Every structure is written in structure tokens, then in C-alpha cells.
Amino acid sequence: WQWIHNGVRLSDGTPVTADLVRAIGEAELAAIRAETTSEDW
């Protein structure tokens, strides 16, 4: 929250935005689902 609302940039220059965080979160969820059985998911 702090990084988004203070206009922080990552060390590679990428701005931290809500859209970036959403993309990272969706990728993390996809990775978790891939390592999880259908029953457990």
C-alpha cells in the first residue's frame, strides 16, 4: 500500500502500481493452483 501511494519505483525503474500488484498476485495464484490438487484447491 505504501509503495503504491508514494509513487515508489522498483530498483529496475518499474513503478509500483495497483495493476502491477494485481498481475503479480494473479501469477502467484496460478502458480499455487498448478502445485495444488483439484480437491485441495
PDB file of all heavy atoms in Angstrom:
ATOM      1  N   TRP A   1       0.843  -1.204   0.000  1.00  0.00           N
ATOM      2  CA  TRP A   1       0.000   0.000   0.000  1.00  0.00           C
ATOM      3  C   TRP A   1       0.877   1.252   0.000  1.00  0.00           C
ATOM      4  O   TRP A   1       0.632   2.193  -0.768  1.00  0.00           O
ATOM      5  CB  TRP A   1      -0.912  -0.012   1.222  1.00  0.00           C
ATOM      6  CG  TRP A   1      -2.008   1.015   1.193  1.00  0.00           C
ATOM      7  CD1 TRP A   1      -3.309   0.825   0.837  1.00  0.00           C
ATOM      8  CD2 TRP A   1      -1.889   2.411   1.538  1.00  0.00           C
ATOM      9  NE1 TRP A   1      -4.014   2.004   0.928  1.00  0.00           N
ATOM     10  CE2 TRP A   1      -3.170   2.986   1.348  1.00  0.00           C
ATOM     11  CE3 TRP A   1      -0.847   3.224   1.964  1.00  0.00           C
ATOM     12  CZ2 TRP A   1      -3.420   4.342   1.592  1.00  0.00           C
ATOM     13  CZ3 TRP A   1      -1.084   4.574   2.196  1.00  0.00           C
ATOM     14  CH2 TRP A   1      -2.360   5.117   2.013  1.00  0.00           C
ATOM     15  N   GLN A   2       1.888   1.259   0.856  1.00  0.00           N
ATOM     16  CA  GLN A   2       2.760   2.425   0.966  1.00  0.00           C
ATOM     17  C   GLN A   2       3.506   2.679  -0.333  1.00  0.00           C
ATOM     18  O   GLN A   2       3.623   3.828  -0.780  1.00  0.00           O
ATOM     19  CB  GLN A   2       3.758   2.207   2.113  1.00  0.00           C
ATOM     20  CG  GLN A   2       4.656   3.402   2.376  1.00  0.00           C
ATOM     21  CD  GLN A   2       5.739   3.092   3.401  1.00  0.00           C
ATOM     22  OE1 GLN A   2       6.383   2.046   3.336  1.00  0.00           O
ATOM     23  NE2 GLN A   2       5.925   4.002   4.349  1.00  0.00           N
ATOM     24  N   TRP A   3       4.023   1.641  -0.953  1.00  0.00           N
ATOM     25  CA  TRP A   3       4.785   1.817  -2.198  1.00  0.00           C
ATOM     26  C   TRP A   3       3.897   2.366  -3.309  1.00  0.00           C
ATOM     27  O   TRP A   3       4.314   3.249  -4.060  1.00  0.00           O
ATOM     28  CB  TRP A   3       5.405   0.488  -2.617  1.00  0.00           C
ATOM     29  CG  TRP A   3       6.467  -0.011  -1.673  1.00  0.00           C
ATOM     30  CD1 TRP A   3       7.146   0.724  -0.753  1.00  0.00           C
ATOM     31  CD2 TRP A   3       6.951  -1.347  -1.560  1.00  0.00           C
ATOM     32  NE1 TRP A   3       8.031  -0.079  -0.052  1.00  0.00           N
ATOM     33  CE2 TRP A   3       7.935  -1.355  -0.535  1.00  0.00           C
ATOM     34  CE3 TRP A   3       6.668  -2.541  -2.206  1.00  0.00           C
ATOM     35  CZ2 TRP A   3       8.625  -2.520  -0.172  1.00  0.00           C
ATOM     36  CZ3 TRP A   3       7.350  -3.700  -1.848  1.00  0.00           C
ATOM     37  CH2 TRP A   3       8.322  -3.685  -0.844  1.00  0.00           C
ATOM     38  N   ILE A   4       2.672   1.844  -3.409  1.00  0.00           N
ATOM     39  CA  ILE A   4       1.757   2.331  -4.444  1.00  0.00           C
ATOM     40  C   ILE A   4       1.423   3.801  -4.227  1.00  0.00           C
ATOM     41  O   ILE A   4       1.482   4.619  -5.158  1.00  0.00           O
ATOM     42  CB  ILE A   4       0.464   1.483  -4.459  1.00  0.00           C
ATOM     43  CG1 ILE A   4       0.751   0.059  -4.953  1.00  0.00           C
ATOM     44  CG2 ILE A   4      -0.611   2.137  -5.334  1.00  0.00           C
ATOM     45  CD1 ILE A   4      -0.422  -0.889  -4.795  1.00  0.00           C
ATOM     46  N   HIS A   5       1.081   4.163  -2.995  1.00  0.00           N
ATOM     47  CA  HIS A   5       0.582   5.509  -2.724  1.00  0.00           C
ATOM     48  C   HIS A   5       1.680   6.561  -2.597  1.00  0.00           C
ATOM     49  O   HIS A   5       1.376   7.757  -2.508  1.00  0.00           O
ATOM     50  CB  HIS A   5      -0.297   5.498  -1.466  1.00  0.00           C
ATOM     51  CG  HIS A   5      -1.637   4.860  -1.699  1.00  0.00           C
ATOM     52  ND1 HIS A   5      -1.811   3.497  -1.715  1.00  0.00           N
ATOM     53  CD2 HIS A   5      -2.850   5.400  -1.958  1.00  0.00           C
ATOM     54  CE1 HIS A   5      -3.084   3.221  -1.962  1.00  0.00           C
ATOM     55  NE2 HIS A   5      -3.731   4.354  -2.120  1.00  0.00           N
ATOM     56  N   ASN A   6       2.934   6.106  -2.600  1.00  0.00           N
ATOM     57  CA  ASN A   6       4.037   7.066  -2.563  1.00  0.00           C
ATOM     58  C   ASN A   6       4.829   7.083  -3.864  1.00  0.00           C
ATOM     59  O   ASN A   6       5.923   7.659  -3.914  1.00  0.00           O
ATOM     60  CB  ASN A   6       4.964   6.754  -1.382  1.00  0.00           C
ATOM     61  CG  ASN A   6       4.391   7.221  -0.046  1.00  0.00           C
ATOM     62  OD1 ASN A   6       4.571   8.366   0.353  1.00  0.00           O
ATOM     63  ND2 ASN A   6       3.682   6.326   0.631  1.00  0.00           N
ATOM     64  N   GLY A   7       4.258   6.475  -4.913  1.00  0.00           N
ATOM     65  CA  GLY A   7       4.894   6.541  -6.218  1.00  0.00           C
ATOM     66  C   GLY A   7       6.263   5.899  -6.278  1.00  0.00           C
ATOM     67  O   GLY A   7       7.152   6.358  -7.026  1.00  0.00           O
ATOM     68  N   VAL A   8       6.460   4.821  -5.505  1.00  0.00           N
ATOM     69  CA  VAL A   8       7.772   4.166  -5.448  1.00  0.00           C
ATOM     70  C   VAL A   8       8.055   3.423  -6.752  1.00  0.00           C
ATOM     71  O   VAL A   8       7.149   2.845  -7.371  1.00  0.00           O
ATOM     72  CB  VAL A   8       7.812   3.191  -4.254  1.00  0.00           C
ATOM     73  CG1 VAL A   8       9.042   2.281  -4.312  1.00  0.00           C
ATOM     74  CG2 VAL A   8       7.791   3.977  -2.950  1.00  0.00           C
ATOM     75  N   ARG A   9       9.320   3.441  -7.153  1.00  0.00           N
ATOM     76  CA  ARG A   9       9.769   2.658  -8.295  1.00  0.00           C
ATOM     77  C   ARG A   9      10.672   1.524  -7.805  1.00  0.00           C
ATOM     78  O   ARG A   9      11.437   1.701  -6.851  1.00  0.00           O
ATOM     79  CB  ARG A   9      10.523   3.530  -9.294  1.00  0.00           C
ATOM     80  CG  ARG A   9       9.627   4.521 -10.032  1.00  0.00           C
ATOM     81  CD  ARG A   9      10.405   5.350 -11.032  1.00  0.00           C
ATOM     82  NE  ARG A   9       9.520   6.245 -11.766  1.00  0.00           N
ATOM     83  CZ  ARG A   9       8.922   5.911 -12.914  1.00  0.00           C
ATOM     84  NH1 ARG A   9       9.145   4.716 -13.455  1.00  0.00           N
ATOM     85  NH2 ARG A   9       8.122   6.772 -13.516  1.00  0.00           N
ATOM     86  N   LEU A  10      10.561   0.376  -8.465  1.00  0.00           N
ATOM     87  CA  LEU A  10      11.453  -0.728  -8.162  1.00  0.00           C
ATOM     88  C   LEU A  10      12.879  -0.384  -8.558  1.00  0.00           C
ATOM     89  O   LEU A  10      13.120   0.588  -9.292  1.00  0.00           O
ATOM     90  CB  LEU A  10      10.986  -1.992  -8.896  1.00  0.00           C
ATOM     91  CG  LEU A  10       9.564  -2.475  -8.595  1.00  0.00           C
ATOM     92  CD1 LEU A  10       9.234  -3.714  -9.423  1.00  0.00           C
ATOM     93  CD2 LEU A  10       9.391  -2.770  -7.106  1.00  0.00           C
ATOM     94  N   SER A  11      13.812  -1.180  -8.104  1.00  0.00           N
ATOM     95  CA  SER A  11      15.219  -0.898  -8.385  1.00  0.00           C
ATOM     96  C   SER A  11      15.516  -0.904  -9.886  1.00  0.00           C
ATOM     97  O   SER A  11      16.502  -0.303 -10.330  1.00  0.00           O
ATOM     98  CB  SER A  11      16.108  -1.923  -7.680  1.00  0.00           C
ATOM     99  OG  SER A  11      15.742  -3.247  -8.043  1.00  0.00           O
ATOM    100  N   ASP A  12      14.640  -1.563 -10.693  1.00  0.00           N
ATOM    101  CA  ASP A  12      14.838  -1.553 -12.148  1.00  0.00           C
ATOM    102  C   ASP A  12      14.089  -0.414 -12.834  1.00  0.00           C
ATOM    103  O   ASP A  12      14.046  -0.332 -14.063  1.00  0.00           O
ATOM    104  CB  ASP A  12      14.421  -2.896 -12.750  1.00  0.00           C
ATOM    105  CG  ASP A  12      12.931  -3.195 -12.565  1.00  0.00           C
ATOM    106  OD1 ASP A  12      12.202  -2.331 -12.054  1.00  0.00           O
ATOM    107  OD2 ASP A  12      12.508  -4.317 -12.910  1.00  0.00           O
ATOM    108  N   GLY A  13      13.474   0.475 -12.047  1.00  0.00           N
ATOM    109  CA  GLY A  13      12.776   1.623 -12.593  1.00  0.00           C
ATOM    110  C   GLY A  13      11.288   1.440 -12.799  1.00  0.00           C
ATOM    111  O   GLY A  13      10.580   2.404 -13.122  1.00  0.00           O
ATOM    112  N   THR A  14      10.769   0.242 -12.608  1.00  0.00           N
ATOM    113  CA  THR A  14       9.343  -0.027 -12.807  1.00  0.00           C
ATOM    114  C   THR A  14       8.531   0.609 -11.693  1.00  0.00           C
ATOM    115  O   THR A  14       8.816   0.380 -10.508  1.00  0.00           O
ATOM    116  CB  THR A  14       9.066  -1.540 -12.824  1.00  0.00           C
ATOM    117  OG1 THR A  14       9.857  -2.157 -13.842  1.00  0.00           O
ATOM    118  CG2 THR A  14       7.594  -1.829 -13.056  1.00  0.00           C
ATOM    119  N   PRO A  15       7.508   1.406 -12.006  1.00  0.00           N
ATOM    120  CA  PRO A  15       6.677   1.976 -10.951  1.00  0.00           C
ATOM    121  C   PRO A  15       5.802   0.904 -10.309  1.00  0.00           C
ATOM    122  O   PRO A  15       5.299  -0.002 -10.994  1.00  0.00           O
ATOM    123  CB  PRO A  15       5.829   3.015 -11.684  1.00  0.00           C
ATOM    124  CG  PRO A  15       5.822   2.574 -13.111  1.00  0.00           C
ATOM    125  CD  PRO A  15       7.119   1.882 -13.349  1.00  0.00           C
ATOM    126  N   VAL A  16       5.638   0.996  -8.989  1.00  0.00           N
ATOM    127  CA  VAL A  16       4.756   0.075  -8.276  1.00  0.00           C
ATOM    128  C   VAL A  16       3.338   0.623  -8.367  1.00  0.00           C
ATOM    129  O   VAL A  16       3.038   1.697  -7.848  1.00  0.00           O
ATOM    130  CB  VAL A  16       5.171  -0.080  -6.802  1.00  0.00           C
ATOM    131  CG1 VAL A  16       4.226  -1.056  -6.096  1.00  0.00           C
ATOM    132  CG2 VAL A  16       6.610  -0.565  -6.704  1.00  0.00           C
ATOM    133  N   THR A  17       2.490  -0.098  -9.058  1.00  0.00           N
ATOM    134  CA  THR A  17       1.101   0.313  -9.248  1.00  0.00           C
ATOM    135  C   THR A  17       0.168  -0.817  -8.835  1.00  0.00           C
ATOM    136  O   THR A  17       0.585  -1.972  -8.712  1.00  0.00           O
ATOM    137  CB  THR A  17       0.827   0.657 -10.720  1.00  0.00           C
ATOM    138  OG1 THR A  17       0.989  -0.541 -11.502  1.00  0.00           O
ATOM    139  CG2 THR A  17       1.777   1.737 -11.228  1.00  0.00           C
ATOM    140  N   ALA A  18      -1.090  -0.465  -8.664  1.00  0.00           N
ATOM    141  CA  ALA A  18      -2.087  -1.484  -8.334  1.00  0.00           C
ATOM    142  C   ALA A  18      -2.185  -2.514  -9.452  1.00  0.00           C
ATOM    143  O   ALA A  18      -2.335  -3.719  -9.182  1.00  0.00           O
ATOM    144  CB  ALA A  18      -3.444  -0.829  -8.080  1.00  0.00           C
ATOM    145  N   ASP A  19      -2.078  -2.076 -10.691  1.00  0.00           N
ATOM    146  CA  ASP A  19      -2.155  -3.012 -11.808  1.00  0.00           C
ATOM    147  C   ASP A  19      -0.986  -3.997 -11.783  1.00  0.00           C
ATOM    148  O   ASP A  19      -1.160  -5.194 -12.059  1.00  0.00           O
ATOM    149  CB  ASP A  19      -2.164  -2.263 -13.138  1.00  0.00           C
ATOM    150  CG  ASP A  19      -3.496  -1.565 -13.418  1.00  0.00           C
ATOM    151  OD1 ASP A  19      -4.493  -1.928 -12.754  1.00  0.00           O
ATOM    152  OD2 ASP A  19      -3.527  -0.663 -14.266  1.00  0.00           O
ATOM    153  N   LEU A  20       0.203  -3.500 -11.471  1.00  0.00           N
ATOM    154  CA  LEU A  20       1.364  -4.393 -11.373  1.00  0.00           C
ATOM    155  C   LEU A  20       1.157  -5.424 -10.266  1.00  0.00           C
ATOM    156  O   LEU A  20       1.429  -6.617 -10.450  1.00  0.00           O
ATOM    157  CB  LEU A  20       2.633  -3.585 -11.116  1.00  0.00           C
ATOM    158  CG  LEU A  20       3.909  -4.402 -10.849  1.00  0.00           C
ATOM    159  CD1 LEU A  20       4.279  -5.245 -12.068  1.00  0.00           C
ATOM    160  CD2 LEU A  20       5.068  -3.481 -10.446  1.00  0.00           C
ATOM    161  N   VAL A  21       0.675  -4.964  -9.119  1.00  0.00           N
ATOM    162  CA  VAL A  21       0.467  -5.871  -7.993  1.00  0.00           C
ATOM    163  C   VAL A  21      -0.607  -6.898  -8.334  1.00  0.00           C
ATOM    164  O   VAL A  21      -0.485  -8.089  -8.000  1.00  0.00           O
ATOM    165  CB  VAL A  21       0.092  -5.076  -6.730  1.00  0.00           C
ATOM    166  CG1 VAL A  21      -0.287  -6.017  -5.589  1.00  0.00           C
ATOM    167  CG2 VAL A  21       1.259  -4.181  -6.306  1.00  0.00           C
ATOM    168  N   ARG A  22      -1.662  -6.473  -9.007  1.00  0.00           N
ATOM    169  CA  ARG A  22      -2.698  -7.425  -9.427  1.00  0.00           C
ATOM    170  C   ARG A  22      -2.108  -8.498 -10.352  1.00  0.00           C
ATOM    171  O   ARG A  22      -2.416  -9.690 -10.202  1.00  0.00           O
ATOM    172  CB  ARG A  22      -3.831  -6.690 -10.147  1.00  0.00           C
ATOM    173  CG  ARG A  22      -4.748  -5.897  -9.240  1.00  0.00           C
ATOM    174  CD  ARG A  22      -5.816  -5.174 -10.061  1.00  0.00           C
ATOM    175  NE  ARG A  22      -6.629  -4.300  -9.242  1.00  0.00           N
ATOM    176  CZ  ARG A  22      -7.699  -4.690  -8.554  1.00  0.00           C
ATOM    177  NH1 ARG A  22      -8.078  -5.959  -8.618  1.00  0.00           N
ATOM    178  NH2 ARG A  22      -8.387  -3.823  -7.834  1.00  0.00           N
ATOM    179  N   ALA A  23      -1.277  -8.091 -11.274  1.00  0.00           N
ATOM    180  CA  ALA A  23      -0.668  -9.058 -12.188  1.00  0.00           C
ATOM    181  C   ALA A  23       0.215 -10.047 -11.435  1.00  0.00           C
ATOM    182  O   ALA A  23       0.197 -11.261 -11.707  1.00  0.00           O
ATOM    183  CB  ALA A  23       0.146  -8.325 -13.261  1.00  0.00           C
ATOM    184  N   ILE A  24       0.987  -9.537 -10.481  1.00  0.00           N
ATOM    185  CA  ILE A  24       1.837 -10.418  -9.675  1.00  0.00           C
ATOM    186  C   ILE A  24       0.971 -11.371  -8.851  1.00  0.00           C
ATOM    187  O   ILE A  24       1.262 -12.569  -8.749  1.00  0.00           O
ATOM    188  CB  ILE A  24       2.753  -9.587  -8.772  1.00  0.00           C
ATOM    189  CG1 ILE A  24       3.778  -8.820  -9.605  1.00  0.00           C
ATOM    190  CG2 ILE A  24       3.455 -10.472  -7.740  1.00  0.00           C
ATOM    191  CD1 ILE A  24       4.592  -7.814  -8.811  1.00  0.00           C
ATOM    192  N   GLY A  25      -0.104 -10.847  -8.272  1.00  0.00           N
ATOM    193  CA  GLY A  25      -0.987 -11.677  -7.476  1.00  0.00           C
ATOM    194  C   GLY A  25      -1.658 -12.762  -8.287  1.00  0.00           C
ATOM    195  O   GLY A  25      -1.762 -13.918  -7.847  1.00  0.00           O
ATOM    196  N   GLU A  26      -2.102 -12.425  -9.486  1.00  0.00           N
ATOM    197  CA  GLU A  26      -2.752 -13.416 -10.338  1.00  0.00           C
ATOM    198  C   GLU A  26      -1.758 -14.489 -10.777  1.00  0.00           C
ATOM    199  O   GLU A  26      -2.107 -15.681 -10.852  1.00  0.00           O
ATOM    200  CB  GLU A  26      -3.378 -12.715 -11.540  1.00  0.00           C
ATOM    201  CG  GLU A  26      -4.606 -11.885 -11.158  1.00  0.00           C
ATOM    202  CD  GLU A  26      -5.027 -10.906 -12.238  1.00  0.00           C
ATOM    203  OE1 GLU A  26      -4.328 -10.845 -13.284  1.00  0.00           O
ATOM    204  OE2 GLU A  26      -6.034 -10.196 -12.036  1.00  0.00           O
ATOM    205  N   ALA A  27      -0.505 -14.097 -11.025  1.00  0.00           N
ATOM    206  CA  ALA A  27       0.520 -15.076 -11.369  1.00  0.00           C
ATOM    207  C   ALA A  27       0.827 -15.987 -10.185  1.00  0.00           C
ATOM    208  O   ALA A  27       1.037 -17.207 -10.347  1.00  0.00           O
ATOM    209  CB  ALA A  27       1.792 -14.357 -11.830  1.00  0.00           C
ATOM    210  N   GLU A  28       0.853 -15.412  -8.979  1.00  0.00           N
ATOM    211  CA  GLU A  28       1.087 -16.216  -7.780  1.00  0.00           C
ATOM    212  C   GLU A  28      -0.048 -17.209  -7.566  1.00  0.00           C
ATOM    213  O   GLU A  28       0.191 -18.386  -7.251  1.00  0.00           O
ATOM    214  CB  GLU A  28       1.235 -15.300  -6.567  1.00  0.00           C
ATOM    215  CG  GLU A  28       1.454 -16.027  -5.247  1.00  0.00           C
ATOM    216  CD  GLU A  28       2.789 -16.743  -5.159  1.00  0.00           C
ATOM    217  OE1 GLU A  28       3.708 -16.397  -5.929  1.00  0.00           O
ATOM    218  OE2 GLU A  28       2.916 -17.652  -4.319  1.00  0.00           O
ATOM    219  N   LEU A  29      -1.283 -16.767  -7.758  1.00  0.00           N
ATOM    220  CA  LEU A  29      -2.420 -17.675  -7.619  1.00  0.00           C
ATOM    221  C   LEU A  29      -2.354 -18.798  -8.650  1.00  0.00           C
ATOM    222  O   LEU A  29      -2.660 -19.961  -8.338  1.00  0.00           O
ATOM    223  CB  LEU A  29      -3.725 -16.898  -7.769  1.00  0.00           C
ATOM    224  CG  LEU A  29      -4.152 -16.025  -6.588  1.00  0.00           C
ATOM    225  CD1 LEU A  29      -5.354 -15.179  -6.966  1.00  0.00           C
ATOM    226  CD2 LEU A  29      -4.471 -16.891  -5.362  1.00  0.00           C
ATOM    227  N   ALA A  30      -1.959 -18.481  -9.873  1.00  0.00           N
ATOM    228  CA  ALA A  30      -1.836 -19.510 -10.902  1.00  0.00           C
ATOM    229  C   ALA A  30      -0.761 -20.529 -10.531  1.00  0.00           C
ATOM    230  O   ALA A  30      -0.935 -21.740 -10.739  1.00  0.00           O
ATOM    231  CB  ALA A  30      -1.511 -18.865 -12.253  1.00  0.00           C
ATOM    232  N   ALA A  31       0.350 -20.046  -9.973  1.00  0.00           N
ATOM    233  CA  ALA A  31       1.420 -20.957  -9.557  1.00  0.00           C
ATOM    234  C   ALA A  31       0.962 -21.849  -8.410  1.00  0.00           C
ATOM    235  O   ALA A  31       1.266 -23.051  -8.381  1.00  0.00           O
ATOM    236  CB  ALA A  31       2.652 -20.149  -9.150  1.00  0.00           C
ATOM    237  N   ILE A  32       0.229 -21.276  -7.472  1.00  0.00           N
ATOM    238  CA  ILE A  32      -0.287 -22.067  -6.348  1.00  0.00           C
ATOM    239  C   ILE A  32      -1.257 -23.123  -6.863  1.00  0.00           C
ATOM    240  O   ILE A  32      -1.208 -24.293  -6.447  1.00  0.00           O
ATOM    241  CB  ILE A  32      -0.977 -21.158  -5.316  1.00  0.00           C
ATOM    242  CG1 ILE A  32       0.048 -20.231  -4.653  1.00  0.00           C
ATOM    243  CG2 ILE A  32      -1.694 -21.993  -4.248  1.00  0.00           C
ATOM    244  CD1 ILE A  32      -0.575 -19.135  -3.808  1.00  0.00           C
ATOM    245  N   ARG A  33      -2.123 -22.726  -7.784  1.00  0.00           N
ATOM    246  CA  ARG A  33      -3.098 -23.685  -8.314  1.00  0.00           C
ATOM    247  C   ARG A  33      -2.387 -24.818  -9.053  1.00  0.00           C
ATOM    248  O   ARG A  33      -2.814 -25.984  -8.983  1.00  0.00           O
ATOM    249  CB  ARG A  33      -4.079 -22.979  -9.242  1.00  0.00           C
ATOM    250  CG  ARG A  33      -5.200 -23.890  -9.722  1.00  0.00           C
ATOM    251  CD  ARG A  33      -6.365 -23.129 -10.263  1.00  0.00           C
ATOM    252  NE  ARG A  33      -7.516 -23.992 -10.469  1.00  0.00           N
ATOM    253  CZ  ARG A  33      -8.730 -23.575 -10.779  1.00  0.00           C
ATOM    254  NH1 ARG A  33      -8.954 -22.269 -10.915  1.00  0.00           N
ATOM    255  NH2 ARG A  33      -9.725 -24.424 -10.956  1.00  0.00           N
ATOM    256  N   ALA A  34      -1.308 -24.500  -9.751  1.00  0.00           N
ATOM    257  CA  ALA A  34      -0.582 -25.527 -10.501  1.00  0.00           C
ATOM    258  C   ALA A  34       0.067 -26.558  -9.587  1.00  0.00           C
ATOM    259  O   ALA A  34       0.242 -27.720  -9.978  1.00  0.00           O
ATOM    260  CB  ALA A  34       0.474 -24.865 -11.386  1.00  0.00           C
ATOM    261  N   GLU A  35       0.420 -26.138  -8.384  1.00  0.00           N
ATOM    262  CA  GLU A  35       1.079 -27.062  -7.454  1.00  0.00           C
ATOM    263  C   GLU A  35       0.096 -27.712  -6.476  1.00  0.00           C
ATOM    264  O   GLU A  35       0.501 -28.433  -5.575  1.00  0.00           O
ATOM    265  CB  GLU A  35       2.168 -26.321  -6.666  1.00  0.00           C
ATOM    266  CG  GLU A  35       1.626 -25.281  -5.701  1.00  0.00           C
ATOM    267  CD  GLU A  35       2.675 -24.395  -5.058  1.00  0.00           C
ATOM    268  OE1 GLU A  35       3.714 -24.139  -5.701  1.00  0.00           O
ATOM    269  OE2 GLU A  35       2.470 -23.958  -3.917  1.00  0.00           O
ATOM    270  N   THR A  36      -1.198 -27.453  -6.673  1.00  0.00           N
ATOM    271  CA  THR A  36      -2.229 -27.922  -5.751  1.00  0.00           C
ATOM    272  C   THR A  36      -3.176 -28.877  -6.467  1.00  0.00           C
ATOM    273  O   THR A  36      -3.539 -28.647  -7.627  1.00  0.00           O
ATOM    274  CB  THR A  36      -3.038 -26.723  -5.201  1.00  0.00           C
ATOM    275  OG1 THR A  36      -2.137 -25.782  -4.629  1.00  0.00           O
ATOM    276  CG2 THR A  36      -4.040 -27.165  -4.146  1.00  0.00           C
ATOM    277  N   THR A  37      -3.580 -29.940  -5.797  1.00  0.00           N
ATOM    278  CA  THR A  37      -4.552 -30.858  -6.394  1.00  0.00           C
ATOM    279  C   THR A  37      -5.898 -30.161  -6.537  1.00  0.00           C
ATOM    280  O   THR A  37      -6.198 -29.198  -5.823  1.00  0.00           O
ATOM    281  CB  THR A  37      -4.722 -32.112  -5.532  1.00  0.00           C
ATOM    282  OG1 THR A  37      -5.323 -31.741  -4.279  1.00  0.00           O
ATOM    283  CG2 THR A  37      -3.390 -32.805  -5.274  1.00  0.00           C
ATOM    284  N   SER A  38      -6.716 -30.650  -7.437  1.00  0.00           N
ATOM    285  CA  SER A  38      -8.040 -30.057  -7.654  1.00  0.00           C
ATOM    286  C   SER A  38      -8.864 -30.102  -6.375  1.00  0.00           C
ATOM    287  O   SER A  38      -9.576 -29.137  -6.042  1.00  0.00           O
ATOM    288  CB  SER A  38      -8.765 -30.802  -8.775  1.00  0.00           C
ATOM    289  OG  SER A  38      -8.077 -30.642  -9.997  1.00  0.00           O
ATOM    290  N   GLU A  39      -8.758 -31.201  -5.655  1.00  0.00           N
ATOM    291  CA  GLU A  39      -9.524 -31.354  -4.416  1.00  0.00           C
ATOM    292  C   GLU A  39      -9.097 -30.325  -3.378  1.00  0.00           C
ATOM    293  O   GLU A  39      -9.930 -29.678  -2.740  1.00  0.00           O
ATOM    294  CB  GLU A  39      -9.354 -32.764  -3.861  1.00  0.00           C
ATOM    295  CG  GLU A  39     -10.158 -33.046  -2.610  1.00  0.00           C
ATOM    296  CD  GLU A  39      -9.970 -34.464  -2.105  1.00  0.00           C
ATOM    297  OE1 GLU A  39      -9.208 -35.239  -2.738  1.00  0.00           O
ATOM    298  OE2 GLU A  39     -10.588 -34.809  -1.071  1.00  0.00           O
ATOM    299  N   ASP A  40      -7.769 -30.175  -3.238  1.00  0.00           N
ATOM    300  CA  ASP A  40      -7.264 -29.212  -2.257  1.00  0.00           C
ATOM    301  C   ASP A  40      -7.584 -27.777  -2.669  1.00  0.00           C
ATOM    302  O   ASP A  40      -7.877 -26.925  -1.818  1.00  0.00           O
ATOM    303  CB  ASP A  40      -5.756 -29.375  -2.072  1.00  0.00           C
ATOM    304  CG  ASP A  40      -5.400 -30.640  -1.306  1.00  0.00           C
ATOM    305  OD1 ASP A  40      -6.310 -31.222  -0.677  1.00  0.00           O
ATOM    306  OD2 ASP A  40      -4.224 -31.055  -1.352  1.00  0.00           O
ATOM    307  N   TRP A  41      -7.512 -27.499  -3.973  1.00  0.00           N
ATOM    308  CA  TRP A  41      -7.825 -26.148  -4.433  1.00  0.00           C
ATOM    309  C   TRP A  41      -9.284 -25.805  -4.150  1.00  0.00           C
ATOM    310  O   TRP A  41      -9.604 -24.707  -3.696  1.00  0.00           O
ATOM    311  CB  TRP A  41      -7.519 -26.007  -5.915  1.00  0.00           C
ATOM    312  CG  TRP A  41      -7.843 -24.641  -6.449  1.00  0.00           C
ATOM    313  CD1 TRP A  41      -8.962 -24.259  -7.119  1.00  0.00           C
ATOM    314  CD2 TRP A  41      -7.045 -23.462  -6.306  1.00  0.00           C
ATOM    315  NE1 TRP A  41      -8.911 -22.916  -7.422  1.00  0.00           N
ATOM    316  CE2 TRP A  41      -7.743 -22.395  -6.935  1.00  0.00           C
ATOM    317  CE3 TRP A  41      -5.812 -23.196  -5.732  1.00  0.00           C
ATOM    318  CZ2 TRP A  41      -7.242 -21.108  -6.987  1.00  0.00           C
ATOM    319  CZ3 TRP A  41      -5.302 -21.903  -5.782  1.00  0.00           C
ATOM    320  CH2 TRP A  41      -6.015 -20.885  -6.404  1.00  0.00           C
TER     321      TRP A  41
END
